N, C-alpha and C. Protein backbone atom coordinates (compact mmCIF):
# COMPACT_ATOMS: atom_id res chain seq x y z
N MET A 1 0.82 -1.20 0.00
CA MET A 1 0.00 0.00 0.00
C MET A 1 0.86 1.25 0.00
N ALA A 2 2.13 1.18 0.39
CA ALA A 2 2.98 2.36 0.46
C ALA A 2 3.22 2.95 -0.93
N GLY A 3 3.43 2.11 -1.93
CA GLY A 3 3.64 2.61 -3.28
C GLY A 3 2.42 3.29 -3.86
N ILE A 4 1.27 2.80 -3.49
CA ILE A 4 0.03 3.38 -3.98
C ILE A 4 -0.16 4.78 -3.40
N THR A 5 0.06 4.92 -2.11
CA THR A 5 -0.11 6.21 -1.47
C THR A 5 0.95 7.19 -1.95
N THR A 6 2.13 6.72 -2.30
CA THR A 6 3.18 7.60 -2.80
C THR A 6 2.75 8.30 -4.07
N VAL A 7 2.08 7.61 -4.96
CA VAL A 7 1.58 8.24 -6.19
C VAL A 7 0.60 9.35 -5.84
N SER A 8 -0.29 9.10 -4.91
CA SER A 8 -1.26 10.11 -4.50
C SER A 8 -0.57 11.32 -3.89
N LEU A 9 0.43 11.06 -3.06
CA LEU A 9 1.13 12.16 -2.40
C LEU A 9 1.91 13.00 -3.40
N LEU A 10 2.54 12.35 -4.36
CA LEU A 10 3.28 13.10 -5.37
C LEU A 10 2.35 13.96 -6.21
N VAL A 11 1.18 13.45 -6.53
CA VAL A 11 0.21 14.24 -7.29
C VAL A 11 -0.19 15.47 -6.48
N VAL A 12 -0.48 15.28 -5.20
CA VAL A 12 -0.88 16.42 -4.35
C VAL A 12 0.25 17.44 -4.27
N LEU A 13 1.49 16.98 -4.05
CA LEU A 13 2.62 17.90 -3.91
C LEU A 13 2.92 18.66 -5.20
N ILE A 14 2.97 17.96 -6.30
CA ILE A 14 3.34 18.61 -7.57
C ILE A 14 2.25 19.56 -8.03
N VAL A 15 1.01 19.11 -8.03
CA VAL A 15 -0.08 19.96 -8.47
C VAL A 15 -0.25 21.15 -7.52
N GLY A 16 -0.17 20.90 -6.22
CA GLY A 16 -0.32 21.98 -5.25
C GLY A 16 0.75 23.06 -5.39
N THR A 17 1.98 22.65 -5.63
CA THR A 17 3.07 23.62 -5.78
C THR A 17 2.93 24.42 -7.07
N ILE A 18 2.64 23.75 -8.16
CA ILE A 18 2.53 24.45 -9.45
C ILE A 18 1.33 25.39 -9.45
N VAL A 19 0.18 24.92 -8.98
CA VAL A 19 -1.00 25.77 -8.96
C VAL A 19 -0.83 26.92 -7.97
N GLY A 20 -0.16 26.66 -6.84
CA GLY A 20 0.12 27.72 -5.88
C GLY A 20 1.00 28.81 -6.49
N ALA A 21 2.02 28.41 -7.25
CA ALA A 21 2.89 29.39 -7.90
C ALA A 21 2.13 30.20 -8.95
N LEU A 22 1.31 29.50 -9.74
CA LEU A 22 0.52 30.21 -10.74
C LEU A 22 -0.51 31.15 -10.10
N ALA A 23 -1.12 30.69 -9.02
CA ALA A 23 -2.08 31.55 -8.31
C ALA A 23 -1.36 32.75 -7.70
N GLY A 24 -0.14 32.54 -7.21
CA GLY A 24 0.64 33.66 -6.68
C GLY A 24 0.92 34.70 -7.75
N MET A 25 1.23 34.24 -8.96
CA MET A 25 1.47 35.19 -10.05
C MET A 25 0.19 35.93 -10.43
N ILE A 26 -0.93 35.21 -10.45
CA ILE A 26 -2.20 35.84 -10.84
C ILE A 26 -2.69 36.80 -9.77
N PHE A 27 -2.73 36.32 -8.52
CA PHE A 27 -3.19 37.19 -7.44
C PHE A 27 -2.18 38.29 -7.13
N GLY A 28 -0.91 38.07 -7.43
CA GLY A 28 0.12 39.07 -7.17
C GLY A 28 -0.02 40.31 -8.02
N ASN A 29 -0.73 40.20 -9.15
CA ASN A 29 -0.98 41.37 -9.98
C ASN A 29 -2.01 42.31 -9.35
N ALA A 30 -2.84 41.78 -8.46
CA ALA A 30 -3.92 42.56 -7.89
C ALA A 30 -3.63 43.04 -6.46
N MET A 31 -2.60 42.51 -5.81
CA MET A 31 -2.33 42.88 -4.41
C MET A 31 -0.85 42.87 -4.14
N ASP A 32 -0.50 43.48 -3.02
CA ASP A 32 0.89 43.48 -2.59
C ASP A 32 1.28 42.09 -2.10
N PRO A 33 2.57 41.76 -2.18
CA PRO A 33 3.00 40.46 -1.64
C PRO A 33 2.92 40.46 -0.11
N ASN A 34 1.90 39.81 0.41
CA ASN A 34 1.69 39.75 1.85
C ASN A 34 1.12 38.40 2.23
N ALA A 35 0.72 38.26 3.49
CA ALA A 35 0.22 36.97 3.97
C ALA A 35 -1.10 36.58 3.30
N LEU A 36 -1.92 37.55 2.93
CA LEU A 36 -3.18 37.23 2.25
C LEU A 36 -2.92 36.58 0.89
N LEU A 37 -1.92 37.08 0.20
CA LEU A 37 -1.53 36.47 -1.08
C LEU A 37 -1.10 35.02 -0.86
N ALA A 38 -0.35 34.78 0.20
CA ALA A 38 0.10 33.42 0.51
C ALA A 38 -1.07 32.51 0.83
N VAL A 39 -2.02 33.00 1.61
CA VAL A 39 -3.18 32.17 1.98
C VAL A 39 -4.02 31.85 0.76
N LEU A 40 -4.26 32.83 -0.09
CA LEU A 40 -5.05 32.57 -1.31
C LEU A 40 -4.34 31.59 -2.24
N SER A 41 -3.03 31.74 -2.38
CA SER A 41 -2.26 30.83 -3.24
C SER A 41 -2.21 29.43 -2.67
N GLY A 42 -1.96 29.32 -1.37
CA GLY A 42 -1.91 28.01 -0.73
C GLY A 42 -3.24 27.30 -0.76
N LEU A 43 -4.30 28.05 -0.52
CA LEU A 43 -5.65 27.46 -0.57
C LEU A 43 -5.98 26.97 -1.97
N THR A 44 -5.65 27.76 -2.97
CA THR A 44 -5.90 27.36 -4.36
C THR A 44 -5.09 26.12 -4.71
N GLY A 45 -3.82 26.08 -4.30
CA GLY A 45 -2.97 24.92 -4.58
C GLY A 45 -3.44 23.67 -3.87
N THR A 46 -3.87 23.83 -2.62
CA THR A 46 -4.35 22.68 -1.85
C THR A 46 -5.62 22.09 -2.46
N VAL A 47 -6.55 22.95 -2.80
CA VAL A 47 -7.80 22.46 -3.39
C VAL A 47 -7.52 21.80 -4.74
N ALA A 48 -6.66 22.40 -5.55
CA ALA A 48 -6.34 21.81 -6.85
C ALA A 48 -5.64 20.46 -6.70
N GLY A 49 -4.73 20.35 -5.74
CA GLY A 49 -4.04 19.08 -5.51
C GLY A 49 -4.98 17.99 -5.04
N ALA A 50 -5.89 18.34 -4.13
CA ALA A 50 -6.85 17.36 -3.63
C ALA A 50 -7.83 16.92 -4.73
N VAL A 51 -8.26 17.88 -5.54
CA VAL A 51 -9.18 17.54 -6.64
C VAL A 51 -8.47 16.67 -7.67
N ALA A 52 -7.21 16.99 -7.97
CA ALA A 52 -6.46 16.17 -8.93
C ALA A 52 -6.27 14.75 -8.41
N ARG A 53 -5.97 14.62 -7.13
CA ARG A 53 -5.79 13.30 -6.53
C ARG A 53 -7.08 12.50 -6.58
N ASN A 54 -8.19 13.13 -6.18
CA ASN A 54 -9.48 12.43 -6.21
C ASN A 54 -9.89 12.07 -7.63
N THR A 55 -9.57 12.91 -8.59
CA THR A 55 -9.90 12.62 -9.98
C THR A 55 -9.13 11.40 -10.47
N LEU A 56 -7.85 11.32 -10.11
CA LEU A 56 -7.07 10.14 -10.50
C LEU A 56 -7.57 8.88 -9.83
N VAL A 57 -7.96 9.00 -8.56
CA VAL A 57 -8.46 7.83 -7.84
C VAL A 57 -9.76 7.35 -8.45
N GLU A 58 -10.66 8.28 -8.75
CA GLU A 58 -11.95 7.89 -9.33
C GLU A 58 -11.80 7.33 -10.73
N ALA A 59 -10.77 7.80 -11.47
CA ALA A 59 -10.52 7.28 -12.81
C ALA A 59 -9.79 5.94 -12.76
N GLY A 60 -9.20 5.59 -11.61
CA GLY A 60 -8.51 4.32 -11.48
C GLY A 60 -7.10 4.33 -12.01
N ILE A 61 -6.48 5.51 -12.08
CA ILE A 61 -5.13 5.63 -12.63
C ILE A 61 -4.12 5.51 -11.50
N GLY A 62 -3.20 4.56 -11.59
CA GLY A 62 -2.11 4.42 -10.65
C GLY A 62 -2.54 4.10 -9.23
N ILE A 63 -3.62 3.36 -9.08
CA ILE A 63 -4.10 3.05 -7.73
C ILE A 63 -4.24 1.55 -7.58
N GLY A 64 -4.39 1.14 -6.37
CA GLY A 64 -4.57 -0.27 -6.08
C GLY A 64 -5.89 -0.48 -5.37
N GLU A 65 -6.03 -1.63 -4.76
CA GLU A 65 -7.31 -1.99 -4.16
C GLU A 65 -7.63 -1.21 -2.89
N PHE A 66 -6.63 -0.64 -2.22
CA PHE A 66 -6.88 0.05 -0.95
C PHE A 66 -7.10 1.54 -1.12
N GLU A 67 -6.86 2.08 -2.28
CA GLU A 67 -6.96 3.52 -2.50
C GLU A 67 -8.42 3.92 -2.70
N GLU A 68 -8.78 5.02 -2.11
CA GLU A 68 -10.14 5.52 -2.27
C GLU A 68 -10.12 7.03 -2.24
N ALA A 69 -11.17 7.64 -2.74
CA ALA A 69 -11.28 9.09 -2.73
C ALA A 69 -11.41 9.58 -1.29
N LEU A 70 -10.89 10.77 -1.06
CA LEU A 70 -10.95 11.32 0.29
C LEU A 70 -12.35 11.83 0.59
N PRO A 71 -12.83 11.62 1.79
CA PRO A 71 -14.15 12.16 2.15
C PRO A 71 -14.08 13.67 2.32
N ILE A 72 -15.23 14.28 2.35
CA ILE A 72 -15.34 15.73 2.46
C ILE A 72 -14.70 16.23 3.76
N SER A 73 -14.80 15.46 4.83
CA SER A 73 -14.22 15.92 6.10
C SER A 73 -12.71 16.07 6.00
N VAL A 74 -12.03 15.16 5.30
CA VAL A 74 -10.58 15.27 5.13
C VAL A 74 -10.26 16.48 4.26
N LEU A 75 -11.05 16.73 3.23
CA LEU A 75 -10.83 17.91 2.40
C LEU A 75 -11.04 19.20 3.19
N PHE A 76 -12.01 19.18 4.11
CA PHE A 76 -12.25 20.33 4.97
C PHE A 76 -11.05 20.58 5.87
N PHE A 77 -10.49 19.52 6.45
CA PHE A 77 -9.29 19.67 7.28
C PHE A 77 -8.09 20.11 6.45
N ALA A 78 -8.04 19.70 5.19
CA ALA A 78 -6.95 20.13 4.31
C ALA A 78 -7.03 21.63 4.05
N VAL A 79 -8.24 22.15 3.93
CA VAL A 79 -8.40 23.60 3.75
C VAL A 79 -7.92 24.33 4.99
N ILE A 80 -8.24 23.82 6.16
CA ILE A 80 -7.77 24.45 7.40
C ILE A 80 -6.24 24.35 7.50
N ALA A 81 -5.69 23.20 7.14
CA ALA A 81 -4.23 23.03 7.19
C ALA A 81 -3.53 23.93 6.18
N SER A 82 -4.22 24.30 5.11
CA SER A 82 -3.59 25.15 4.11
C SER A 82 -3.30 26.54 4.66
N PHE A 83 -4.08 27.00 5.64
CA PHE A 83 -3.78 28.30 6.24
C PHE A 83 -2.43 28.27 6.94
N ALA A 84 -2.16 27.22 7.71
CA ALA A 84 -0.87 27.10 8.40
C ALA A 84 0.27 26.94 7.40
N GLY A 85 0.06 26.10 6.39
CA GLY A 85 1.09 25.90 5.38
C GLY A 85 1.37 27.16 4.58
N SER A 86 0.32 27.91 4.29
CA SER A 86 0.49 29.14 3.52
C SER A 86 1.28 30.18 4.31
N LEU A 87 0.96 30.32 5.58
CA LEU A 87 1.69 31.28 6.40
C LEU A 87 3.14 30.84 6.59
N ALA A 88 3.37 29.54 6.70
CA ALA A 88 4.75 29.05 6.77
C ALA A 88 5.50 29.34 5.47
N GLY A 89 4.81 29.18 4.35
CA GLY A 89 5.43 29.50 3.06
C GLY A 89 5.77 30.97 2.93
N PHE A 90 4.90 31.83 3.45
CA PHE A 90 5.18 33.27 3.42
C PHE A 90 6.39 33.61 4.28
N VAL A 91 6.49 32.97 5.45
CA VAL A 91 7.63 33.22 6.33
C VAL A 91 8.92 32.75 5.66
N VAL A 92 8.90 31.59 5.04
CA VAL A 92 10.11 31.08 4.37
C VAL A 92 10.50 32.00 3.22
N ALA A 93 9.52 32.46 2.44
CA ALA A 93 9.82 33.38 1.34
C ALA A 93 10.40 34.68 1.86
N SER A 94 9.89 35.18 2.98
CA SER A 94 10.43 36.42 3.52
C SER A 94 11.82 36.20 4.13
N LEU A 95 12.07 35.04 4.73
CA LEU A 95 13.40 34.75 5.25
C LEU A 95 14.43 34.62 4.14
N LEU A 96 14.00 34.14 2.99
CA LEU A 96 14.90 34.02 1.84
C LEU A 96 14.99 35.31 1.03
N HIS A 97 14.27 36.34 1.48
CA HIS A 97 14.22 37.64 0.80
C HIS A 97 13.72 37.50 -0.64
N GLU A 98 12.79 36.60 -0.83
CA GLU A 98 12.17 36.39 -2.14
C GLU A 98 10.69 36.72 -2.05
N LEU A 99 10.37 37.99 -1.88
CA LEU A 99 8.97 38.38 -1.74
C LEU A 99 8.32 38.65 -3.09
N LEU A 100 8.68 37.86 -4.07
CA LEU A 100 7.99 37.91 -5.36
C LEU A 100 6.74 37.04 -5.27
N PRO A 101 5.66 37.45 -5.91
CA PRO A 101 4.41 36.67 -5.81
C PRO A 101 4.56 35.21 -6.25
N PHE A 102 5.42 34.96 -7.24
CA PHE A 102 5.64 33.59 -7.69
C PHE A 102 6.18 32.72 -6.56
N TRP A 103 7.20 33.21 -5.86
CA TRP A 103 7.83 32.43 -4.80
C TRP A 103 6.93 32.30 -3.59
N ILE A 104 6.21 33.35 -3.27
CA ILE A 104 5.26 33.26 -2.15
C ILE A 104 4.22 32.19 -2.46
N GLY A 105 3.67 32.20 -3.67
CA GLY A 105 2.67 31.21 -4.06
C GLY A 105 3.24 29.80 -4.11
N ALA A 106 4.47 29.67 -4.61
CA ALA A 106 5.08 28.34 -4.71
C ALA A 106 5.35 27.75 -3.33
N PHE A 107 5.91 28.55 -2.43
CA PHE A 107 6.17 28.05 -1.07
C PHE A 107 4.87 27.78 -0.33
N ALA A 108 3.89 28.67 -0.50
CA ALA A 108 2.59 28.46 0.17
C ALA A 108 1.93 27.19 -0.35
N GLY A 109 1.95 26.98 -1.67
CA GLY A 109 1.38 25.77 -2.23
C GLY A 109 2.12 24.52 -1.80
N LEU A 110 3.45 24.60 -1.73
CA LEU A 110 4.25 23.44 -1.33
C LEU A 110 3.97 23.06 0.11
N PHE A 111 4.04 24.02 1.03
CA PHE A 111 3.85 23.68 2.44
C PHE A 111 2.40 23.30 2.74
N SER A 112 1.46 23.91 2.06
CA SER A 112 0.06 23.50 2.22
C SER A 112 -0.15 22.09 1.71
N SER A 113 0.50 21.76 0.60
CA SER A 113 0.39 20.41 0.05
C SER A 113 1.06 19.38 0.94
N ILE A 114 2.14 19.76 1.59
CA ILE A 114 2.80 18.85 2.53
C ILE A 114 1.85 18.51 3.67
N LEU A 115 1.19 19.53 4.22
CA LEU A 115 0.25 19.27 5.31
C LEU A 115 -0.94 18.45 4.83
N THR A 116 -1.40 18.70 3.60
CA THR A 116 -2.48 17.90 3.04
C THR A 116 -2.04 16.46 2.85
N SER A 117 -0.79 16.26 2.43
CA SER A 117 -0.26 14.90 2.28
C SER A 117 -0.20 14.17 3.61
N LEU A 118 0.15 14.89 4.67
CA LEU A 118 0.13 14.28 5.99
C LEU A 118 -1.27 13.86 6.39
N LEU A 119 -2.27 14.64 6.00
CA LEU A 119 -3.66 14.24 6.26
C LEU A 119 -4.04 12.99 5.47
N VAL A 120 -3.56 12.89 4.23
CA VAL A 120 -3.83 11.71 3.43
C VAL A 120 -3.19 10.48 4.07
N ILE A 121 -1.96 10.63 4.56
CA ILE A 121 -1.29 9.52 5.23
C ILE A 121 -2.07 9.11 6.48
N ALA A 122 -2.50 10.09 7.27
CA ALA A 122 -3.26 9.78 8.48
C ALA A 122 -4.58 9.11 8.14
N PHE A 123 -5.20 9.50 7.04
CA PHE A 123 -6.46 8.88 6.62
C PHE A 123 -6.26 7.42 6.24
N HIS A 124 -5.11 7.10 5.62
CA HIS A 124 -4.86 5.74 5.16
C HIS A 124 -4.32 4.81 6.24
N MET A 125 -3.89 5.37 7.35
CA MET A 125 -3.34 4.52 8.42
C MET A 125 -4.45 3.75 9.10
N THR A 126 -4.17 2.51 9.40
CA THR A 126 -5.13 1.71 10.14
C THR A 126 -4.67 1.63 11.59
N PRO A 127 -5.56 1.76 12.54
CA PRO A 127 -5.16 1.67 13.94
C PRO A 127 -4.69 0.25 14.27
N ARG A 128 -3.71 0.17 15.13
CA ARG A 128 -3.17 -1.15 15.49
C ARG A 128 -3.65 -1.54 16.86
């Protein structure tokens, strides 16, 4: 089951980072590079990563018998986790002195996707 979940996690991470960076560029044209930009970019990346993962699972691509679509409650927690990941991405971008909207969005999407991936792992774990 570890290889199956790895495919799901990679989809969430890659899609979340790319969409977060693109959202940072789009939203960055309308606002200053700040924490709100990071939250909007991270939220957009997280939702896109979760939707892409669920789409692949429902289509049956790269999955096994134990893989299933995430329930709405896990997606709701992923949205909440994206706030923490987005703010962490903003802090990392500011520490690196890269306050460009692209980098803020990319870091926000990456860290939000990491937290979403941890939720996916927790969802797939069986209690012992």
